[in-house]
Amino acid sequence: MVSENLEEPEFEIIKIYDGFEVRRYLDTIQARVVTNGMNYRNSTGAFRRIASYIFGGNDQSRNIAMTAPVQMWESDDSYVMAFTMPSEHGMGDLPKPADSRVELLHVKGEVVAVLKFSGLSHRRKSLRMMKKLLSMIENNRLVAYSQARLAVYDNPTSTLPFMRRNEIIQPIEWDGGDENGV
């Protein structure tokens, strides 16, 4: 997976702060898998389930183009992994997953703060980056809500760590105020 060749969710940059940016994402459709706990085995299994869906594991045996990034986050005691479906698809024309653990959902657009980082995206580092972003959000008098997500753009098995593109995506309240402060 080389992210430069893959479709990514559409967004506009609303404002650039020192160290992070605020983006507005459009509505998307995601294929998601929820697992118990957050460990390598569960994340690998979740990835394989969604990958199976887009590579023909569906009621139409149809391939769906891969997109970037893969998003991951914790929700209560569960771990969620999601792939965004290509923008050419509406919910009505996507095939039904053969695996009942793969769920298709309409995701409403949102305003988020985004912290970019390279290198490994293991849990400890991701949590450290989430805390860093939350601190920057608070220091700029913005308000975070919901759970931050890790977005991984490159294949961790074939991309050198220093070349990997990762992001922490944190939903924030945005009143549409100073959008020209770039």
N, C-alpha and C. Protein backbone atom coordinates (compact mmCIF):
# COMPACT_ATOMS: atom_id res chain seq x y z
N MET A 1 0.85 -1.17 0.00
CA MET A 1 0.00 0.00 0.00
C MET A 1 0.89 1.23 0.00
N VAL A 2 0.85 1.98 -1.06
CA VAL A 2 1.60 3.24 -1.14
C VAL A 2 0.56 4.34 -1.23
N SER A 3 0.48 5.17 -0.21
CA SER A 3 -0.63 6.11 -0.09
C SER A 3 -0.72 7.10 -1.25
N GLU A 4 0.37 7.42 -1.92
CA GLU A 4 0.32 8.39 -3.01
C GLU A 4 -0.59 7.90 -4.13
N ASN A 5 -0.77 6.60 -4.28
CA ASN A 5 -1.57 6.05 -5.36
C ASN A 5 -3.00 5.74 -4.93
N LEU A 6 -3.34 5.98 -3.68
CA LEU A 6 -4.65 5.62 -3.16
C LEU A 6 -5.49 6.86 -2.90
N GLU A 7 -6.78 6.71 -3.12
CA GLU A 7 -7.70 7.81 -2.80
C GLU A 7 -7.73 8.02 -1.28
N GLU A 8 -7.80 9.28 -0.88
CA GLU A 8 -7.91 9.64 0.53
C GLU A 8 -9.18 10.45 0.72
N PRO A 9 -9.77 10.42 1.92
CA PRO A 9 -10.97 11.21 2.15
C PRO A 9 -10.74 12.69 1.86
N GLU A 10 -11.74 13.33 1.28
CA GLU A 10 -11.63 14.73 0.91
C GLU A 10 -11.79 15.62 2.14
N PHE A 11 -10.96 16.67 2.20
CA PHE A 11 -11.06 17.63 3.30
C PHE A 11 -10.57 18.99 2.83
N GLU A 12 -10.90 20.00 3.62
CA GLU A 12 -10.32 21.32 3.40
C GLU A 12 -9.61 21.72 4.69
N ILE A 13 -8.49 22.40 4.53
CA ILE A 13 -7.78 22.91 5.70
C ILE A 13 -8.45 24.22 6.09
N ILE A 14 -8.93 24.28 7.31
CA ILE A 14 -9.61 25.48 7.81
C ILE A 14 -8.60 26.45 8.41
N LYS A 15 -7.66 25.92 9.19
CA LYS A 15 -6.69 26.79 9.85
C LYS A 15 -5.45 25.97 10.20
N ILE A 16 -4.30 26.61 10.10
CA ILE A 16 -3.04 25.98 10.49
C ILE A 16 -2.55 26.65 11.77
N TYR A 17 -2.34 25.83 12.78
CA TYR A 17 -1.79 26.28 14.05
C TYR A 17 -0.33 25.82 14.12
N ASP A 18 0.38 26.26 15.11
CA ASP A 18 1.76 25.82 15.31
C ASP A 18 1.74 24.36 15.76
N GLY A 19 2.10 23.44 14.88
CA GLY A 19 2.19 22.03 15.22
C GLY A 19 1.04 21.16 14.77
N PHE A 20 -0.10 21.76 14.40
CA PHE A 20 -1.23 20.95 13.93
C PHE A 20 -2.11 21.81 13.02
N GLU A 21 -3.04 21.14 12.34
CA GLU A 21 -3.97 21.86 11.49
C GLU A 21 -5.40 21.44 11.79
N VAL A 22 -6.33 22.30 11.44
CA VAL A 22 -7.75 22.00 11.58
C VAL A 22 -8.30 21.76 10.19
N ARG A 23 -9.00 20.63 10.04
CA ARG A 23 -9.56 20.24 8.75
C ARG A 23 -11.06 20.02 8.88
N ARG A 24 -11.76 20.22 7.77
CA ARG A 24 -13.17 19.85 7.66
C ARG A 24 -13.26 18.71 6.65
N TYR A 25 -13.72 17.56 7.12
CA TYR A 25 -13.91 16.40 6.27
C TYR A 25 -15.35 16.33 5.79
N LEU A 26 -15.54 15.81 4.60
CA LEU A 26 -16.87 15.57 4.05
C LEU A 26 -17.40 14.23 4.56
N ASP A 27 -18.68 13.98 4.33
CA ASP A 27 -19.27 12.69 4.68
C ASP A 27 -18.56 11.57 3.92
N THR A 28 -18.46 10.41 4.55
CA THR A 28 -17.85 9.24 3.92
C THR A 28 -18.65 7.99 4.29
N ILE A 29 -18.27 6.90 3.68
CA ILE A 29 -18.77 5.59 4.07
C ILE A 29 -17.55 4.78 4.51
N GLN A 30 -17.68 4.11 5.63
CA GLN A 30 -16.57 3.30 6.14
C GLN A 30 -16.99 1.84 6.29
N ALA A 31 -16.03 0.97 6.08
CA ALA A 31 -16.16 -0.44 6.46
C ALA A 31 -15.39 -0.57 7.77
N ARG A 32 -16.07 -1.05 8.81
CA ARG A 32 -15.46 -1.12 10.15
C ARG A 32 -15.55 -2.52 10.72
N VAL A 33 -14.56 -2.81 11.56
CA VAL A 33 -14.57 -4.03 12.36
C VAL A 33 -14.26 -3.63 13.79
N VAL A 34 -15.03 -4.17 14.73
CA VAL A 34 -14.81 -3.93 16.15
C VAL A 34 -14.31 -5.22 16.76
N THR A 35 -13.21 -5.13 17.52
CA THR A 35 -12.65 -6.30 18.21
C THR A 35 -12.56 -6.01 19.70
N ASN A 36 -12.40 -7.07 20.49
CA ASN A 36 -12.21 -6.91 21.92
C ASN A 36 -10.74 -6.70 22.20
N GLY A 37 -10.43 -5.61 22.88
CA GLY A 37 -9.04 -5.35 23.24
C GLY A 37 -8.24 -4.83 22.07
N MET A 38 -7.05 -4.33 22.40
CA MET A 38 -6.19 -3.72 21.39
C MET A 38 -4.82 -4.40 21.46
N ASN A 39 -4.62 -5.35 20.58
CA ASN A 39 -3.31 -5.98 20.49
C ASN A 39 -3.03 -6.35 19.04
N TYR A 40 -1.83 -6.82 18.79
CA TYR A 40 -1.41 -7.09 17.42
C TYR A 40 -2.32 -8.11 16.74
N ARG A 41 -2.67 -9.18 17.45
CA ARG A 41 -3.48 -10.22 16.86
C ARG A 41 -4.86 -9.68 16.45
N ASN A 42 -5.48 -8.90 17.35
CA ASN A 42 -6.79 -8.33 17.03
C ASN A 42 -6.71 -7.35 15.88
N SER A 43 -5.67 -6.49 15.86
CA SER A 43 -5.57 -5.51 14.78
C SER A 43 -5.29 -6.19 13.44
N THR A 44 -4.48 -7.23 13.45
CA THR A 44 -4.21 -7.97 12.21
C THR A 44 -5.48 -8.65 11.72
N GLY A 45 -6.23 -9.24 12.64
CA GLY A 45 -7.49 -9.89 12.26
C GLY A 45 -8.49 -8.90 11.70
N ALA A 46 -8.60 -7.72 12.32
CA ALA A 46 -9.52 -6.70 11.84
C ALA A 46 -9.12 -6.25 10.44
N PHE A 47 -7.83 -6.01 10.24
CA PHE A 47 -7.34 -5.60 8.93
C PHE A 47 -7.68 -6.65 7.88
N ARG A 48 -7.44 -7.90 8.20
CA ARG A 48 -7.70 -8.98 7.24
C ARG A 48 -9.18 -9.09 6.90
N ARG A 49 -10.05 -8.90 7.89
CA ARG A 49 -11.49 -8.97 7.62
C ARG A 49 -11.93 -7.88 6.63
N ILE A 50 -11.47 -6.64 6.88
CA ILE A 50 -11.87 -5.55 5.98
C ILE A 50 -11.22 -5.72 4.61
N ALA A 51 -9.95 -6.12 4.61
CA ALA A 51 -9.26 -6.36 3.33
C ALA A 51 -9.97 -7.45 2.54
N SER A 52 -10.42 -8.49 3.22
CA SER A 52 -11.15 -9.56 2.54
C SER A 52 -12.42 -9.01 1.89
N TYR A 53 -13.12 -8.13 2.59
CA TYR A 53 -14.32 -7.51 2.04
C TYR A 53 -14.01 -6.76 0.74
N ILE A 54 -12.98 -5.89 0.77
CA ILE A 54 -12.71 -5.09 -0.43
C ILE A 54 -12.07 -5.90 -1.56
N PHE A 55 -11.50 -7.06 -1.23
CA PHE A 55 -10.90 -7.90 -2.27
C PHE A 55 -11.83 -9.04 -2.68
N GLY A 56 -13.15 -8.82 -2.55
CA GLY A 56 -14.12 -9.77 -3.10
C GLY A 56 -14.89 -10.58 -2.08
N GLY A 57 -14.62 -10.43 -0.80
CA GLY A 57 -15.36 -11.17 0.23
C GLY A 57 -16.69 -10.50 0.51
N ASN A 58 -17.54 -10.47 -0.52
CA ASN A 58 -18.84 -9.80 -0.40
C ASN A 58 -19.85 -10.52 -1.27
N ASP A 59 -21.11 -10.13 -1.14
CA ASP A 59 -22.18 -10.86 -1.84
C ASP A 59 -22.13 -10.74 -3.36
N GLN A 60 -21.27 -9.87 -3.88
CA GLN A 60 -21.13 -9.74 -5.34
C GLN A 60 -19.76 -10.21 -5.82
N SER A 61 -18.94 -10.73 -4.91
CA SER A 61 -17.55 -11.13 -5.22
C SER A 61 -16.83 -10.03 -5.99
N ARG A 62 -17.12 -8.79 -5.62
CA ARG A 62 -16.60 -7.62 -6.33
C ARG A 62 -15.44 -6.99 -5.57
N ASN A 63 -14.40 -6.61 -6.30
CA ASN A 63 -13.29 -5.88 -5.69
C ASN A 63 -13.67 -4.40 -5.56
N ILE A 64 -13.22 -3.81 -4.46
CA ILE A 64 -13.40 -2.40 -4.20
C ILE A 64 -12.01 -1.82 -4.02
N ALA A 65 -11.76 -0.66 -4.60
CA ALA A 65 -10.42 -0.06 -4.53
C ALA A 65 -10.01 0.21 -3.08
N MET A 66 -8.74 -0.04 -2.81
CA MET A 66 -8.15 0.27 -1.50
C MET A 66 -8.02 1.79 -1.40
N THR A 67 -8.20 2.32 -0.20
CA THR A 67 -8.02 3.74 0.07
C THR A 67 -7.04 3.89 1.23
N ALA A 68 -6.65 5.10 1.51
CA ALA A 68 -5.82 5.40 2.68
C ALA A 68 -6.47 6.57 3.39
N PRO A 69 -6.31 6.68 4.67
CA PRO A 69 -5.58 5.82 5.58
C PRO A 69 -6.46 4.71 6.15
N VAL A 70 -5.82 3.81 6.88
CA VAL A 70 -6.52 2.89 7.76
C VAL A 70 -6.63 3.63 9.10
N GLN A 71 -7.82 3.69 9.66
CA GLN A 71 -8.01 4.40 10.93
C GLN A 71 -8.28 3.40 12.05
N MET A 72 -7.74 3.71 13.22
CA MET A 72 -7.89 2.84 14.39
C MET A 72 -8.13 3.70 15.62
N TRP A 73 -9.01 3.20 16.51
CA TRP A 73 -9.24 3.91 17.77
C TRP A 73 -9.87 2.96 18.77
N GLU A 74 -9.81 3.39 20.03
CA GLU A 74 -10.42 2.63 21.11
C GLU A 74 -11.81 3.20 21.36
N SER A 75 -12.75 2.32 21.66
CA SER A 75 -14.10 2.71 21.99
C SER A 75 -14.54 1.83 23.14
N ASP A 76 -14.64 2.42 24.34
CA ASP A 76 -14.91 1.67 25.56
C ASP A 76 -13.83 0.59 25.71
N ASP A 77 -14.23 -0.68 25.78
CA ASP A 77 -13.26 -1.77 25.91
C ASP A 77 -12.96 -2.42 24.57
N SER A 78 -13.36 -1.77 23.50
CA SER A 78 -13.19 -2.34 22.16
C SER A 78 -12.17 -1.54 21.36
N TYR A 79 -11.79 -2.13 20.25
CA TYR A 79 -10.84 -1.55 19.32
C TYR A 79 -11.53 -1.52 17.96
N VAL A 80 -11.51 -0.38 17.30
CA VAL A 80 -12.19 -0.23 16.02
C VAL A 80 -11.16 0.04 14.93
N MET A 81 -11.31 -0.63 13.81
CA MET A 81 -10.49 -0.37 12.62
C MET A 81 -11.45 -0.05 11.49
N ALA A 82 -11.08 0.96 10.67
CA ALA A 82 -11.96 1.38 9.58
C ALA A 82 -11.18 1.70 8.32
N PHE A 83 -11.75 1.33 7.19
CA PHE A 83 -11.30 1.74 5.86
C PHE A 83 -12.40 2.64 5.31
N THR A 84 -12.03 3.74 4.69
CA THR A 84 -13.00 4.59 4.00
C THR A 84 -13.22 4.02 2.61
N MET A 85 -14.47 3.94 2.21
CA MET A 85 -14.79 3.43 0.88
C MET A 85 -14.53 4.53 -0.15
N PRO A 86 -14.15 4.14 -1.38
CA PRO A 86 -13.90 5.14 -2.43
C PRO A 86 -15.12 6.05 -2.61
N SER A 87 -14.87 7.32 -2.90
CA SER A 87 -15.94 8.32 -2.99
C SER A 87 -16.93 8.04 -4.12
N GLU A 88 -16.56 7.24 -5.09
CA GLU A 88 -17.47 6.92 -6.21
C GLU A 88 -18.66 6.07 -5.76
N HIS A 89 -18.56 5.47 -4.57
CA HIS A 89 -19.62 4.57 -4.09
C HIS A 89 -20.57 5.25 -3.14
N GLY A 90 -21.86 4.95 -3.33
CA GLY A 90 -22.88 5.31 -2.36
C GLY A 90 -23.20 4.06 -1.56
N MET A 91 -23.87 4.24 -0.44
CA MET A 91 -24.20 3.08 0.40
C MET A 91 -25.01 2.05 -0.38
N GLY A 92 -25.89 2.52 -1.28
CA GLY A 92 -26.75 1.61 -2.03
C GLY A 92 -26.05 0.75 -3.06
N ASP A 93 -24.86 1.15 -3.51
CA ASP A 93 -24.20 0.34 -4.54
C ASP A 93 -23.01 -0.46 -4.01
N LEU A 94 -22.74 -0.39 -2.72
CA LEU A 94 -21.68 -1.21 -2.14
C LEU A 94 -22.19 -2.62 -1.87
N PRO A 95 -21.41 -3.63 -2.19
CA PRO A 95 -21.86 -4.99 -1.91
C PRO A 95 -21.90 -5.27 -0.40
N LYS A 96 -22.71 -6.22 -0.02
CA LYS A 96 -22.84 -6.60 1.39
C LYS A 96 -21.65 -7.47 1.78
N PRO A 97 -20.99 -7.16 2.91
CA PRO A 97 -19.85 -7.98 3.35
C PRO A 97 -20.27 -9.43 3.61
N ALA A 98 -19.42 -10.37 3.20
CA ALA A 98 -19.67 -11.78 3.49
C ALA A 98 -19.43 -12.07 4.97
N ASP A 99 -18.54 -11.35 5.59
CA ASP A 99 -18.22 -11.50 7.01
C ASP A 99 -19.13 -10.57 7.81
N SER A 100 -19.97 -11.12 8.66
CA SER A 100 -20.92 -10.31 9.43
C SER A 100 -20.24 -9.37 10.41
N ARG A 101 -18.96 -9.55 10.67
CA ARG A 101 -18.24 -8.66 11.59
C ARG A 101 -17.79 -7.37 10.89
N VAL A 102 -17.89 -7.32 9.55
CA VAL A 102 -17.59 -6.10 8.80
C VAL A 102 -18.89 -5.32 8.66
N GLU A 103 -18.88 -4.09 9.15
CA GLU A 103 -20.07 -3.25 9.12
C GLU A 103 -19.83 -2.04 8.22
N LEU A 104 -20.80 -1.71 7.38
CA LEU A 104 -20.72 -0.51 6.54
C LEU A 104 -21.52 0.59 7.23
N LEU A 105 -20.91 1.78 7.37
CA LEU A 105 -21.58 2.89 8.04
C LEU A 105 -21.39 4.19 7.28
N HIS A 106 -22.43 5.01 7.29
CA HIS A 106 -22.32 6.38 6.78
C HIS A 106 -21.70 7.20 7.92
N VAL A 107 -20.63 7.93 7.62
CA VAL A 107 -19.94 8.75 8.62
C VAL A 107 -20.12 10.21 8.25
N LYS A 108 -20.74 10.95 9.14
CA LYS A 108 -21.00 12.37 8.90
C LYS A 108 -19.68 13.14 8.90
N GLY A 109 -19.59 14.13 8.02
CA GLY A 109 -18.41 14.98 7.98
C GLY A 109 -18.19 15.67 9.32
N GLU A 110 -16.96 16.07 9.57
CA GLU A 110 -16.65 16.67 10.87
C GLU A 110 -15.45 17.59 10.76
N VAL A 111 -15.27 18.40 11.80
CA VAL A 111 -14.10 19.25 11.91
C VAL A 111 -13.17 18.59 12.92
N VAL A 112 -11.89 18.47 12.55
CA VAL A 112 -10.92 17.76 13.39
C VAL A 112 -9.60 18.53 13.45
N ALA A 113 -8.89 18.31 14.54
CA ALA A 113 -7.50 18.76 14.65
C ALA A 113 -6.64 17.58 14.25
N VAL A 114 -5.57 17.84 13.50
CA VAL A 114 -4.73 16.76 12.97
C VAL A 114 -3.26 17.03 13.29
N LEU A 115 -2.63 16.05 13.90
CA LEU A 115 -1.20 16.08 14.18
C LEU A 115 -0.52 15.04 13.30
N LYS A 116 0.38 15.47 12.44
CA LYS A 116 1.10 14.56 11.54
C LYS A 116 2.37 14.08 12.23
N PHE A 117 2.73 12.81 12.00
CA PHE A 117 4.01 12.31 12.50
C PHE A 117 4.47 11.15 11.63
N SER A 118 5.77 10.93 11.63
CA SER A 118 6.34 9.83 10.86
C SER A 118 6.86 8.77 11.82
N GLY A 119 7.38 7.71 11.26
CA GLY A 119 7.96 6.65 12.08
C GLY A 119 6.94 5.60 12.45
N LEU A 120 7.26 4.87 13.49
CA LEU A 120 6.39 3.80 13.95
C LEU A 120 5.14 4.39 14.58
N SER A 121 4.05 3.62 14.53
CA SER A 121 2.79 4.10 15.09
C SER A 121 2.27 3.15 16.17
N HIS A 122 3.19 2.54 16.90
CA HIS A 122 2.78 1.59 17.94
C HIS A 122 1.96 2.31 19.00
N ARG A 123 1.31 1.56 19.85
CA ARG A 123 0.34 2.09 20.80
C ARG A 123 0.94 3.16 21.72
N ARG A 124 2.10 2.91 22.30
CA ARG A 124 2.71 3.88 23.22
C ARG A 124 2.97 5.22 22.53
N LYS A 125 3.53 5.16 21.33
CA LYS A 125 3.81 6.40 20.61
C LYS A 125 2.52 7.10 20.21
N SER A 126 1.53 6.34 19.75
CA SER A 126 0.25 6.94 19.36
C SER A 126 -0.41 7.63 20.54
N LEU A 127 -0.40 6.99 21.71
CA LEU A 127 -0.98 7.62 22.90
C LEU A 127 -0.22 8.89 23.27
N ARG A 128 1.09 8.87 23.15
CA ARG A 128 1.90 10.06 23.43
C ARG A 128 1.53 11.19 22.47
N MET A 129 1.35 10.86 21.18
CA MET A 129 0.98 11.87 20.18
C MET A 129 -0.43 12.39 20.43
N MET A 130 -1.34 11.53 20.89
CA MET A 130 -2.69 11.97 21.21
C MET A 130 -2.66 12.98 22.36
N LYS A 131 -1.86 12.69 23.38
CA LYS A 131 -1.73 13.63 24.51
C LYS A 131 -1.12 14.95 24.06
N LYS A 132 -0.14 14.88 23.18
CA LYS A 132 0.50 16.09 22.67
C LYS A 132 -0.53 16.95 21.91
N LEU A 133 -1.33 16.30 21.04
CA LEU A 133 -2.34 17.03 20.29
C LEU A 133 -3.39 17.63 21.22
N LEU A 134 -3.84 16.88 22.20
CA LEU A 134 -4.83 17.40 23.15
C LEU A 134 -4.30 18.64 23.87
N SER A 135 -3.04 18.59 24.25
CA SER A 135 -2.42 19.74 24.92
C SER A 135 -2.40 20.96 23.99
N MET A 136 -2.03 20.76 22.72
CA MET A 136 -2.01 21.86 21.76
C MET A 136 -3.42 22.41 21.52
N ILE A 137 -4.40 21.51 21.46
CA ILE A 137 -5.79 21.93 21.28
C ILE A 137 -6.22 22.83 22.43
N GLU A 138 -5.96 22.37 23.65
CA GLU A 138 -6.33 23.13 24.85
C GLU A 138 -5.59 24.46 24.91
N ASN A 139 -4.30 24.45 24.57
CA ASN A 139 -3.50 25.68 24.59
C ASN A 139 -4.01 26.72 23.60
N ASN A 140 -4.72 26.27 22.57
CA ASN A 140 -5.28 27.19 21.58
C ASN A 140 -6.78 27.43 21.81
N ARG A 141 -7.22 27.09 23.01
CA ARG A 141 -8.60 27.33 23.45
C ARG A 141 -9.64 26.66 22.55
N LEU A 142 -9.29 25.52 22.03
CA LEU A 142 -10.23 24.71 21.27
C LEU A 142 -10.73 23.60 22.19
N VAL A 143 -11.84 22.96 21.82
CA VAL A 143 -12.44 21.93 22.65
C VAL A 143 -12.51 20.62 21.87
N ALA A 144 -11.86 19.61 22.42
CA ALA A 144 -11.90 18.27 21.81
C ALA A 144 -13.11 17.51 22.36
N TYR A 145 -13.63 16.63 21.54
CA TYR A 145 -14.68 15.72 22.01
C TYR A 145 -14.48 14.39 21.31
N SER A 146 -15.12 13.37 21.79
CA SER A 146 -15.05 12.05 21.20
C SER A 146 -13.63 11.49 21.32
N GLN A 147 -13.40 10.36 20.70
CA GLN A 147 -12.12 9.67 20.80
C GLN A 147 -11.21 10.04 19.63
N ALA A 148 -9.95 10.29 19.93
CA ALA A 148 -8.96 10.52 18.87
C ALA A 148 -8.74 9.22 18.12
N ARG A 149 -8.35 9.35 16.84
CA ARG A 149 -8.10 8.19 15.98
C ARG A 149 -6.68 8.25 15.45
N LEU A 150 -6.08 7.10 15.27
CA LEU A 150 -4.80 6.98 14.60
C LEU A 150 -5.09 6.68 13.14
N ALA A 151 -4.46 7.44 12.25
CA ALA A 151 -4.60 7.22 10.80
C ALA A 151 -3.23 6.81 10.26
N VAL A 152 -3.16 5.63 9.65
CA VAL A 152 -1.92 5.09 9.11
C VAL A 152 -2.06 5.04 7.59
N TYR A 153 -1.14 5.71 6.90
CA TYR A 153 -1.23 5.84 5.44
C TYR A 153 -0.40 4.81 4.68
N ASP A 154 0.65 4.29 5.28
CA ASP A 154 1.58 3.43 4.55
C ASP A 154 1.61 2.02 5.13
N ASN A 155 1.98 1.08 4.31
CA ASN A 155 2.08 -0.31 4.72
C ASN A 155 3.23 -0.46 5.72
N PRO A 156 2.95 -0.85 6.95
CA PRO A 156 4.01 -0.95 7.96
C PRO A 156 5.00 -2.09 7.69
N THR A 157 4.65 -3.03 6.81
CA THR A 157 5.58 -4.12 6.54
C THR A 157 6.53 -3.83 5.39
N SER A 158 6.22 -2.77 4.58
CA SER A 158 7.09 -2.52 3.43
C SER A 158 7.59 -1.08 3.34
N THR A 159 7.14 -0.20 4.22
CA THR A 159 7.58 1.19 4.19
C THR A 159 8.56 1.43 5.32
N LEU A 160 9.72 1.98 4.99
CA LEU A 160 10.71 2.27 6.03
C LEU A 160 10.11 3.23 7.05
N PRO A 161 10.38 3.01 8.35
CA PRO A 161 9.74 3.83 9.39
C PRO A 161 9.86 5.34 9.18
N PHE A 162 11.02 5.83 8.78
CA PHE A 162 11.18 7.28 8.65
C PHE A 162 10.36 7.84 7.48
N MET A 163 9.88 6.97 6.59
CA MET A 163 9.09 7.42 5.45
C MET A 163 7.57 7.26 5.69
N ARG A 164 7.20 6.69 6.82
CA ARG A 164 5.78 6.44 7.09
C ARG A 164 5.05 7.73 7.43
N ARG A 165 3.84 7.81 6.97
CA ARG A 165 2.98 8.96 7.21
C ARG A 165 1.83 8.53 8.12
N ASN A 166 1.76 9.15 9.28
CA ASN A 166 0.72 8.85 10.26
C ASN A 166 0.11 10.15 10.72
N GLU A 167 -1.11 10.07 11.24
CA GLU A 167 -1.77 11.24 11.80
C GLU A 167 -2.60 10.84 13.00
N ILE A 168 -2.71 11.76 13.93
CA ILE A 168 -3.70 11.65 15.00
C ILE A 168 -4.82 12.60 14.59
N ILE A 169 -6.04 12.10 14.58
CA ILE A 169 -7.20 12.87 14.17
C ILE A 169 -8.11 13.01 15.39
N GLN A 170 -8.32 14.24 15.84
CA GLN A 170 -9.12 14.50 17.04
C GLN A 170 -10.31 15.40 16.68
N PRO A 171 -11.55 14.88 16.78
CA PRO A 171 -12.70 15.74 16.55
C PRO A 171 -12.70 16.92 17.54
N ILE A 172 -13.06 18.09 17.03
CA ILE A 172 -13.12 19.29 17.87
C ILE A 172 -14.41 20.05 17.59
N GLU A 173 -14.80 20.86 18.57
CA GLU A 173 -15.91 21.78 18.36
C GLU A 173 -15.36 22.94 17.53
N TRP A 174 -16.13 23.36 16.54
CA TRP A 174 -15.69 24.47 15.70
C TRP A 174 -16.91 25.32 15.38
N ASP A 175 -16.83 26.58 15.74
CA ASP A 175 -17.98 27.46 15.53
C ASP A 175 -17.93 28.18 14.19
N GLY A 176 -16.93 27.85 13.38
CA GLY A 176 -16.82 28.49 12.07
C GLY A 176 -16.25 29.88 12.16
N GLY A 177 -15.65 30.19 13.30
CA GLY A 177 -15.08 31.51 13.55
C GLY A 177 -14.01 31.91 12.56
N ASP A 178 -12.82 32.10 13.01
CA ASP A 178 -11.71 32.61 12.20
C ASP A 178 -11.19 31.54 11.25
N GLU A 179 -11.85 31.40 10.10
CA GLU A 179 -11.41 30.40 9.13
C GLU A 179 -10.37 30.94 8.18
N ASN A 180 -10.02 32.21 8.28
CA ASN A 180 -9.01 32.78 7.40
C ASN A 180 -7.67 32.95 8.09
N GLY A 181 -7.50 32.30 9.23
CA GLY A 181 -6.28 32.47 10.00
C GLY A 181 -5.15 31.59 9.58
N VAL A 182 -5.14 31.14 8.34
CA VAL A 182 -4.08 30.23 7.86
C VAL A 182 -2.77 30.94 7.77
